[in-house]
Amino acid sequence: MPKKVYDIKPPKLVKKIEKEIKDFLVDEKNHPKQSVKKHKTSQQKKGYPIWLPISIVVFIFIVFLGLYLYFKLPMAIITIWPKVEILSFKQIITADKSATTIDPKAFLIPAEYFEESKTISQDFSATGNASDEGKASGIITVYNKSNISSLREGTRFVSDSGKLFISPSRIILPPPQKSGSKIIPGKVEVKVEAAEGGESYNIAPSEFSLPGLKGTADYYNIYASSDAPMTGGFAGKIKKVTNDDIENAKKEVVKKATEETIELIRKNLPDGYVLLDNATSSEIIESSADVKSGTVAENFKYQATVKVKALVFKKSDLDAFAKNYIATQKPDNKTLLAESYKIDYNIGAVDVSAGKIMLNLEFSTGIYDDINRNSIAMSFMGKNEDQINEVIANSLQDKISRAQVKFWPFWVKVAPKNQKGVKVELKFD
């Protein structure tokens, strides 16, 4: 007849011991004072030392606790580092506005438009130069010894220093008078203005001739003089707005408005959308300066409104395409190492108006040989460290780079015979 062998205690005995310990602890918790009192009374009556029953209880508790830990807590932890192989791929795909779903066969992912507009204005300094001159003016007395009765508007008078002055209006000349044999010229006071601006026309009292009468007898019969200096002449430099000023201002404002509108789109994009640098187009809705070219001014303002259209795609669609492609290329007996997945992309050709972006993808992931942790854990049950390492060497030698075996608690030297007590972990450095 076969002989039954028990490791330490039969299962029924262990359960019975566990139950007794639990009942004892509950009774102690519910009636601590009564229990102590009873023990004291009993011991006092019998004459036993009070510490003796307490020591017996503690000893029994420790023994049963040890038995419980021995049977319930042993564990074997086997850590395995699989060999990892890297799969790398390069593909060109298109983000297309006309696509509604990912199409792995056509290498397409969906794209969408986002639009924003913005108006900005900016002040600029004029760079053109202009002369700001004041013309000297004054009063002269015109003398007339001729039969001429008037001089037209704009009549010119030249001073004896060579400065030209002009009458702004028509001059009525009084006729000369005779006094015996002497002729007394008629005279009239006339306002004149310098032909040019500048301080040099602020001349002292002078004599004037009429160059228009030069070569005629009346040249000497009509003349003028001033009794006071001419005043008000000055010259200076001022700024004016040029064509280049306006064109440069337009370029700067439109560029700034475009950049700020693109940033506005980026800010308002829902999470997960990607906007690449060249995947935008812009349109000037309105632009103008508040002055015209040639306007005398130190500063001017330029304003522009720009609309930007951006073609974007979802990063999740890009990842889904890449992971689906990897899955189709992975050998059947390999497992994907998800945390090793990497993807990089850059923009190729782009046509925002047509709604298409060509993307150059580079993506990779790690793969390792399939390892059935449940099956291999069962093969470790009841074995010591050397036996476990032998199983690993025979069944996983080409699939892993190393392995580590640990037992717990410290006194355990053999893996438990139940699968729950054998833990197989995979690690990737």
Protein backbone atom coordinates (compact mmCIF):
# COMPACT_ATOMS: atom_id res chain seq x y z
CA MET A 1 0.00 0.00 0.00
CA PRO A 2 1.48 3.43 -0.98
CA LYS A 3 2.64 5.55 1.87
CA LYS A 4 1.36 9.12 2.13
CA VAL A 5 3.99 11.77 2.72
CA TYR A 6 3.24 15.36 4.01
CA ASP A 7 5.64 18.30 3.63
CA ILE A 8 5.02 19.63 7.18
CA LYS A 9 1.36 19.29 8.17
CA PRO A 10 -1.70 17.87 6.40
CA PRO A 11 -3.92 20.58 4.84
CA LYS A 12 -6.81 19.80 7.24
CA LEU A 13 -4.54 20.18 10.26
CA VAL A 14 -3.20 23.51 8.96
CA LYS A 15 -6.71 24.84 8.44
CA LYS A 16 -7.72 23.70 11.92
CA ILE A 17 -4.70 25.45 13.47
CA GLU A 18 -5.44 28.64 11.51
CA LYS A 19 -9.04 28.60 12.75
CA GLU A 20 -7.98 28.14 16.38
CA ILE A 21 -5.54 31.08 16.13
CA LYS A 22 -8.18 33.34 14.60
CA ASP A 23 -10.79 32.35 17.26
CA PHE A 24 -8.29 33.02 19.99
CA LEU A 25 -7.41 36.47 18.65
CA VAL A 26 -11.09 37.41 18.28
CA ASP A 27 -11.87 36.31 21.84
CA GLU A 28 -8.91 38.30 23.16
CA LYS A 29 -10.08 41.39 21.29
CA ASN A 30 -13.70 41.18 22.51
CA HIS A 31 -13.05 40.29 26.14
CA PRO A 32 -9.50 41.42 26.98
CA LYS A 33 -10.19 42.47 30.57
CA GLN A 34 -12.35 39.46 31.42
CA SER A 35 -9.74 37.09 29.98
CA VAL A 36 -6.92 38.67 31.94
CA LYS A 37 -9.06 38.77 35.06
CA LYS A 38 -10.01 35.12 34.74
CA HIS A 39 -6.40 34.15 34.19
CA LYS A 40 -5.30 36.16 37.19
CA THR A 41 -7.97 34.65 39.42
CA SER A 42 -7.29 31.14 38.21
CA GLN A 43 -3.53 31.51 38.56
CA GLN A 44 -3.85 33.12 41.95
CA LYS A 45 -6.07 30.28 43.13
CA LYS A 46 -3.68 27.63 41.82
CA GLY A 47 -0.57 29.56 42.77
CA TYR A 48 0.97 29.61 39.22
CA PRO A 49 3.16 32.55 38.08
CA ILE A 50 1.12 35.02 35.99
CA TRP A 51 3.66 35.09 33.12
CA LEU A 52 3.53 31.36 32.49
CA PRO A 53 0.17 31.16 30.63
CA ILE A 54 0.95 34.32 28.68
CA SER A 55 4.27 32.89 27.53
CA ILE A 56 2.59 29.66 26.46
CA VAL A 57 0.00 31.57 24.41
CA VAL A 58 2.69 33.72 22.73
CA PHE A 59 4.78 30.64 21.92
CA ILE A 60 1.83 28.84 20.38
CA PHE A 61 0.98 31.96 18.37
CA ILE A 62 4.51 32.25 17.01
CA VAL A 63 4.61 28.57 16.07
CA PHE A 64 1.34 28.71 14.20
CA LEU A 65 2.29 32.03 12.56
CA GLY A 66 5.49 30.44 11.32
CA LEU A 67 3.58 27.48 9.95
CA TYR A 68 1.16 29.86 8.22
CA LEU A 69 3.99 31.86 6.63
CA TYR A 70 5.74 28.69 5.57
CA PHE A 71 2.75 27.33 3.73
CA LYS A 72 1.13 30.51 2.43
CA LEU A 73 3.86 33.04 1.58
CA PRO A 74 6.71 31.26 -0.28
CA MET A 75 7.29 32.76 -3.71
CA ALA A 76 9.71 32.35 -6.57
CA ILE A 77 10.37 35.41 -8.76
CA ILE A 78 12.07 34.69 -12.07
CA THR A 79 13.06 37.80 -14.05
CA ILE A 80 13.83 37.31 -17.74
CA TRP A 81 15.41 39.79 -20.16
CA PRO A 82 14.33 38.86 -23.73
CA LYS A 83 16.57 39.67 -26.68
CA VAL A 84 15.12 42.64 -28.59
CA GLU A 85 15.40 43.15 -32.34
CA ILE A 86 14.66 46.55 -33.92
CA LEU A 87 12.42 46.80 -36.98
CA SER A 88 12.84 50.08 -38.90
CA PHE A 89 10.78 51.41 -41.80
CA LYS A 90 10.61 54.40 -44.16
CA GLN A 91 7.45 55.33 -46.00
CA ILE A 92 5.97 58.32 -47.86
CA ILE A 93 2.31 58.95 -47.09
CA THR A 94 -0.17 61.71 -47.94
CA ALA A 95 -2.37 63.69 -45.59
CA ASP A 96 -5.34 64.41 -47.87
CA LYS A 97 -8.32 66.70 -47.29
CA SER A 98 -10.49 64.40 -49.39
CA ALA A 99 -9.71 61.34 -47.22
CA THR A 100 -12.17 60.59 -44.43
CA THR A 101 -10.42 57.59 -42.86
CA ILE A 102 -6.96 56.03 -42.76
CA ASP A 103 -6.29 54.04 -45.94
CA PRO A 104 -3.21 51.80 -45.39
CA LYS A 105 -3.26 50.46 -48.94
CA ALA A 106 -3.33 53.94 -50.53
CA PHE A 107 -0.94 55.34 -47.88
CA LEU A 108 -3.47 58.06 -46.96
CA ILE A 109 -4.51 59.72 -43.72
CA PRO A 110 -7.19 62.44 -43.38
CA ALA A 111 -6.32 66.16 -43.36
CA GLU A 112 -8.40 69.18 -42.34
CA TYR A 113 -8.46 72.95 -42.88
CA PHE A 114 -8.34 75.52 -40.09
CA GLU A 115 -8.68 79.25 -40.87
CA GLU A 116 -8.13 82.46 -38.90
CA SER A 117 -7.78 86.16 -39.79
CA LYS A 118 -6.20 89.05 -37.95
CA THR A 119 -5.83 92.82 -38.36
CA ILE A 120 -2.80 94.69 -37.07
CA SER A 121 -1.48 98.25 -37.50
CA GLN A 122 1.91 99.73 -36.86
CA ASP A 123 3.54 103.18 -36.85
CA PHE A 124 6.50 103.92 -39.11
CA SER A 125 8.92 106.83 -39.56
CA ALA A 126 9.14 108.67 -42.88
CA THR A 127 12.58 108.57 -44.48
CA GLY A 128 12.18 111.10 -47.33
CA ASN A 129 13.56 114.62 -47.06
CA ALA A 130 11.87 117.87 -48.16
CA SER A 131 12.76 121.54 -47.94
CA ASP A 132 10.71 123.75 -45.69
CA GLU A 133 11.42 127.32 -46.81
CA GLY A 134 9.85 130.65 -45.96
CA LYS A 135 9.93 133.45 -48.53
CA ALA A 136 10.98 136.96 -47.55
CA SER A 137 8.56 139.80 -48.29
CA GLY A 138 8.24 143.53 -47.83
CA ILE A 139 7.00 146.84 -49.23
CA ILE A 140 8.62 148.71 -52.10
CA THR A 141 7.72 152.07 -53.66
CA VAL A 142 7.36 151.95 -57.45
CA TYR A 143 8.13 155.17 -59.30
CA ASN A 144 6.68 155.95 -62.75
CA LYS A 145 8.00 158.56 -65.22
CA SER A 146 6.51 156.82 -68.25
CA ASN A 147 3.16 156.74 -69.93
CA ILE A 148 2.56 153.14 -68.74
CA SER A 149 -0.50 153.02 -66.49
CA SER A 150 -0.23 149.53 -65.00
CA LEU A 151 1.99 146.48 -64.51
CA ARG A 152 0.63 142.92 -64.64
CA GLU A 153 0.45 140.44 -61.75
CA GLY A 154 3.80 138.71 -61.27
CA THR A 155 5.92 141.63 -62.34
CA ARG A 156 9.52 141.01 -61.36
CA PHE A 157 11.75 143.40 -59.43
CA VAL A 158 15.50 142.82 -59.07
CA SER A 159 17.39 144.39 -56.19
CA ASP A 160 20.75 146.02 -56.66
CA SER A 161 22.16 142.90 -54.86
CA GLY A 162 20.62 140.66 -57.54
CA LYS A 163 17.72 139.20 -55.50
CA LEU A 164 14.49 138.66 -57.42
CA PHE A 165 11.11 139.68 -55.94
CA ILE A 166 7.66 139.36 -57.49
CA SER A 167 4.46 141.34 -57.10
CA PRO A 168 1.56 138.99 -56.24
CA SER A 169 -1.04 141.28 -57.82
CA ARG A 170 -1.56 143.82 -60.63
CA ILE A 171 -0.03 147.26 -60.05
CA ILE A 172 -1.79 150.53 -60.99
CA LEU A 173 0.85 153.16 -61.77
CA PRO A 174 0.05 156.80 -61.03
CA PRO A 175 1.06 159.02 -63.98
CA PRO A 176 4.02 161.41 -63.64
CA GLN A 177 3.45 165.12 -62.91
CA LYS A 178 5.20 168.17 -64.42
CA SER A 179 6.40 170.99 -62.28
CA GLY A 180 7.80 173.60 -64.67
CA SER A 181 10.50 171.91 -66.61
CA LYS A 182 10.82 169.16 -64.02
CA ILE A 183 8.93 165.84 -64.17
CA ILE A 184 7.79 164.43 -60.84
CA PRO A 185 7.26 160.65 -61.10
CA GLY A 186 4.07 159.05 -59.89
CA LYS A 187 4.57 156.56 -57.09
CA VAL A 188 2.75 153.73 -55.38
CA GLU A 189 3.60 151.34 -52.59
CA VAL A 190 3.51 147.63 -53.59
CA LYS A 191 3.92 144.40 -51.62
CA VAL A 192 6.46 141.99 -53.10
CA GLU A 193 7.62 138.50 -52.24
CA ALA A 194 10.95 136.76 -52.83
CA ALA A 195 11.05 134.36 -55.78
CA GLU A 196 12.69 131.71 -53.53
CA GLY A 197 12.81 130.85 -49.87
CA GLY A 198 15.77 131.34 -47.62
CA GLU A 199 17.38 133.76 -45.26
CA SER A 200 19.49 135.29 -48.05
CA TYR A 201 16.39 137.22 -49.25
CA ASN A 202 16.14 139.12 -45.98
CA ILE A 203 17.93 142.10 -47.64
CA ALA A 204 18.43 145.60 -46.39
CA PRO A 205 16.67 148.62 -48.03
CA SER A 206 17.58 148.49 -51.71
CA GLU A 207 17.02 149.91 -55.18
CA PHE A 208 15.05 147.80 -57.70
CA SER A 209 14.81 147.63 -61.48
CA LEU A 210 12.32 145.82 -63.74
CA PRO A 211 14.14 143.22 -65.87
CA GLY A 212 11.09 142.87 -68.08
CA LEU A 213 11.59 146.41 -69.40
CA LYS A 214 15.28 145.97 -70.11
CA GLY A 215 16.16 147.15 -73.61
CA THR A 216 13.31 149.69 -73.73
CA ALA A 217 13.16 153.44 -72.94
CA ASP A 218 10.87 152.72 -69.97
CA TYR A 219 13.56 150.61 -68.26
CA TYR A 220 14.92 153.83 -66.73
CA ASN A 221 11.53 155.50 -66.29
CA ILE A 222 10.02 152.84 -64.02
CA TYR A 223 11.99 151.78 -60.94
CA ALA A 224 11.47 151.06 -57.24
CA SER A 225 13.10 151.26 -53.82
CA SER A 226 12.47 150.01 -50.32
CA ASP A 227 12.78 151.92 -47.11
CA ALA A 228 12.77 148.88 -44.78
CA PRO A 229 14.47 145.46 -44.87
CA MET A 230 12.76 142.41 -46.34
CA THR A 231 11.80 139.89 -43.66
CA GLY A 232 10.46 136.33 -43.19
CA GLY A 233 12.91 134.40 -45.30
CA PHE A 234 14.13 131.06 -43.86
CA ALA A 235 15.11 127.52 -44.99
CA GLY A 236 14.97 124.07 -43.28
CA LYS A 237 14.65 120.28 -43.82
CA ILE A 238 11.52 118.24 -43.07
CA LYS A 239 10.46 114.58 -43.54
CA LYS A 240 8.08 113.23 -46.12
CA VAL A 241 6.63 109.77 -46.84
CA THR A 242 8.07 108.01 -49.89
CA ASN A 243 6.85 105.09 -52.03
CA ASP A 244 9.56 102.91 -50.50
CA ASP A 245 8.37 103.81 -47.02
CA ILE A 246 4.86 102.59 -47.83
CA GLU A 247 6.00 99.41 -49.61
CA ASN A 248 8.40 98.46 -46.80
CA ALA A 249 5.72 99.13 -44.22
CA LYS A 250 3.30 96.88 -46.11
CA LYS A 251 5.78 94.01 -46.22
CA GLU A 252 6.52 94.26 -42.53
CA VAL A 253 2.90 94.53 -41.38
CA VAL A 254 1.67 91.73 -43.67
CA LYS A 255 4.50 89.45 -42.51
CA LYS A 256 3.77 90.19 -38.87
CA ALA A 257 0.03 89.70 -39.33
CA THR A 258 0.63 86.37 -41.10
CA GLU A 259 2.96 85.08 -38.38
CA GLU A 260 0.57 86.10 -35.60
CA THR A 261 -2.37 84.50 -37.40
CA ILE A 262 -0.48 81.22 -37.77
CA GLU A 263 0.31 81.29 -34.05
CA LEU A 264 -3.37 81.97 -33.36
CA ILE A 265 -4.28 78.85 -35.35
CA ARG A 266 -1.71 76.80 -33.44
CA LYS A 267 -3.11 78.07 -30.15
CA ASN A 268 -6.70 77.21 -31.11
CA LEU A 269 -5.96 73.77 -32.61
CA PRO A 270 -7.59 70.90 -30.69
CA ASP A 271 -5.23 68.57 -28.85
CA GLY A 272 -3.54 66.01 -31.05
CA TYR A 273 -3.54 68.02 -34.31
CA VAL A 274 -0.25 68.78 -36.10
CA LEU A 275 0.49 71.96 -38.08
CA LEU A 276 3.76 71.85 -40.00
CA ASP A 277 5.63 75.06 -40.85
CA ASN A 278 4.99 75.14 -44.60
CA ALA A 279 1.43 73.80 -44.54
CA THR A 280 -0.22 77.25 -44.64
CA SER A 281 -1.36 79.77 -47.24
CA SER A 282 -2.17 83.44 -46.61
CA GLU A 283 -4.33 86.09 -48.26
CA ILE A 284 -4.25 89.87 -47.78
CA ILE A 285 -7.84 90.96 -47.20
CA GLU A 286 -7.07 94.68 -46.80
CA SER A 287 -3.98 96.88 -46.43
CA SER A 288 -3.43 100.65 -46.53
CA ALA A 289 -1.41 103.57 -45.20
CA ASP A 290 -3.09 106.55 -43.60
CA VAL A 291 -1.19 108.96 -45.93
CA LYS A 292 -0.20 109.06 -49.58
CA SER A 293 3.31 109.00 -50.95
CA GLY A 294 4.85 112.49 -50.91
CA THR A 295 2.97 113.61 -47.82
CA VAL A 296 5.08 115.80 -45.54
CA ALA A 297 5.00 113.97 -42.20
CA GLU A 298 7.40 112.62 -39.58
CA ASN A 299 5.40 109.39 -39.08
CA PHE A 300 2.61 107.40 -40.66
CA LYS A 301 0.49 104.32 -39.82
CA TYR A 302 0.04 101.17 -41.90
CA GLN A 303 -2.73 98.61 -41.34
CA ALA A 304 -3.35 95.17 -42.84
CA THR A 305 -5.84 92.32 -42.45
CA VAL A 306 -4.56 88.84 -43.32
CA LYS A 307 -6.39 85.49 -43.54
CA VAL A 308 -4.41 82.25 -43.12
CA LYS A 309 -5.55 78.76 -44.11
CA ALA A 310 -3.72 75.86 -42.45
CA LEU A 311 -3.77 72.22 -43.54
CA VAL A 312 -3.40 69.93 -40.51
CA PHE A 313 -3.65 66.25 -39.57
CA LYS A 314 -3.99 64.18 -36.40
CA LYS A 315 -0.87 62.70 -34.79
CA SER A 316 -2.98 59.71 -33.74
CA ASP A 317 -3.76 58.96 -37.42
CA LEU A 318 -0.05 59.02 -38.19
CA ASP A 319 0.68 56.62 -35.31
CA ALA A 320 -2.21 54.35 -36.29
CA PHE A 321 -0.89 54.08 -39.85
CA ALA A 322 2.66 53.34 -38.67
CA LYS A 323 1.61 50.75 -36.07
CA ASN A 324 -0.71 49.03 -38.53
CA TYR A 325 2.14 48.87 -41.05
CA ILE A 326 4.49 47.42 -38.42
CA ALA A 327 1.91 44.79 -37.49
CA THR A 328 1.71 43.63 -41.10
CA GLN A 329 5.49 43.30 -41.32
CA LYS A 330 6.09 41.60 -37.96
CA PRO A 331 6.98 37.87 -38.01
CA ASP A 332 4.22 35.69 -36.55
CA ASN A 333 6.36 34.28 -33.73
CA LYS A 334 7.41 37.72 -32.47
CA THR A 335 5.86 40.08 -29.92
CA LEU A 336 5.89 43.87 -30.27
CA LEU A 337 7.63 45.87 -27.56
CA ALA A 338 5.14 48.74 -27.43
CA GLU A 339 7.26 51.10 -25.32
CA SER A 340 10.07 51.03 -27.91
CA TYR A 341 7.87 52.48 -30.68
CA LYS A 342 9.36 55.62 -32.26
CA ILE A 343 8.26 57.81 -35.15
CA ASP A 344 9.73 60.83 -36.90
CA TYR A 345 8.37 62.76 -39.85
CA ASN A 346 9.03 65.82 -41.98
CA ILE A 347 7.13 67.62 -44.68
CA GLY A 348 7.76 66.89 -48.34
CA ALA A 349 5.72 68.50 -51.12
CA VAL A 350 2.69 70.48 -49.96
CA ASP A 351 -0.25 71.99 -51.85
CA VAL A 352 -2.51 73.76 -49.38
CA SER A 353 -5.03 74.80 -52.02
CA ALA A 354 -5.35 71.17 -53.18
CA GLY A 355 -5.47 69.93 -49.59
CA LYS A 356 -2.46 67.58 -49.81
CA ILE A 357 0.70 67.16 -47.72
CA MET A 358 3.39 64.62 -48.56
CA LEU A 359 5.00 63.28 -45.38
CA ASN A 360 8.31 61.41 -45.11
CA LEU A 361 7.99 58.90 -42.27
CA GLU A 362 10.68 57.04 -40.36
CA PHE A 363 9.37 54.70 -37.67
CA SER A 364 10.61 51.71 -35.70
CA THR A 365 9.77 49.32 -32.86
CA GLY A 366 11.38 46.50 -30.91
CA ILE A 367 10.26 42.87 -31.22
CA TYR A 368 11.15 39.78 -29.23
CA ASP A 369 10.39 36.05 -29.35
CA ASP A 370 7.06 35.03 -27.88
CA ILE A 371 7.41 33.81 -24.29
CA ASN A 372 4.41 32.06 -22.69
CA ARG A 373 4.80 33.13 -19.08
CA ASN A 374 2.05 30.82 -17.75
CA SER A 375 3.53 27.78 -19.41
CA ILE A 376 7.07 28.46 -18.32
CA ALA A 377 5.94 29.31 -14.77
CA MET A 378 4.42 25.84 -14.51
CA SER A 379 7.73 24.30 -15.58
CA PHE A 380 9.48 26.08 -12.66
CA MET A 381 7.16 24.74 -9.91
CA GLY A 382 8.87 22.65 -7.26
CA LYS A 383 12.38 23.30 -8.64
CA ASN A 384 15.40 24.88 -7.00
CA GLU A 385 17.54 27.65 -8.51
CA ASP A 386 19.87 25.36 -10.46
CA GLN A 387 16.97 23.37 -11.88
CA ILE A 388 15.14 26.57 -12.90
CA ASN A 389 18.28 27.89 -14.64
CA GLU A 390 18.59 24.57 -16.45
CA VAL A 391 14.99 24.86 -17.70
CA ILE A 392 15.69 28.41 -18.89
CA ALA A 393 18.87 27.34 -20.68
CA ASN A 394 17.12 24.49 -22.46
CA SER A 395 13.91 26.25 -23.48
CA LEU A 396 14.83 29.95 -23.75
CA GLN A 397 18.54 29.99 -24.53
CA ASP A 398 18.29 31.80 -27.90
CA LYS A 399 15.39 34.04 -26.89
CA ILE A 400 16.81 35.82 -23.87
CA SER A 401 19.98 37.68 -22.90
CA ARG A 402 19.89 36.79 -19.18
CA ALA A 403 17.68 35.65 -16.30
CA GLN A 404 17.56 36.05 -12.52
CA VAL A 405 16.00 33.73 -9.91
CA LYS A 406 14.91 34.91 -6.44
CA PHE A 407 13.04 33.16 -3.61
CA TRP A 408 11.04 34.71 -0.79
CA PRO A 409 11.11 34.55 2.21
CA PHE A 410 14.83 34.05 2.70
CA TRP A 411 14.57 30.48 3.93
CA VAL A 412 12.75 29.30 0.79
CA LYS A 413 15.05 27.35 -1.54
CA VAL A 414 12.52 25.72 -3.87
CA ALA A 415 9.76 27.23 -6.03
CA PRO A 416 6.24 26.61 -4.69
CA LYS A 417 4.20 23.81 -6.28
CA ASN A 418 1.29 26.17 -6.97
CA GLN A 419 1.37 28.47 -9.98
CA LYS A 420 0.32 31.51 -7.98
CA GLY A 421 3.57 31.31 -6.05
CA VAL A 422 5.72 31.40 -9.20
CA LYS A 423 6.01 34.85 -10.78
CA VAL A 424 7.67 35.33 -14.17
CA GLU A 425 8.60 38.92 -15.06
CA LEU A 426 9.86 40.26 -18.40
CA LYS A 427 12.23 43.22 -18.33
CA PHE A 428 13.73 45.31 -21.13
CA ASP A 429 16.79 47.48 -20.49
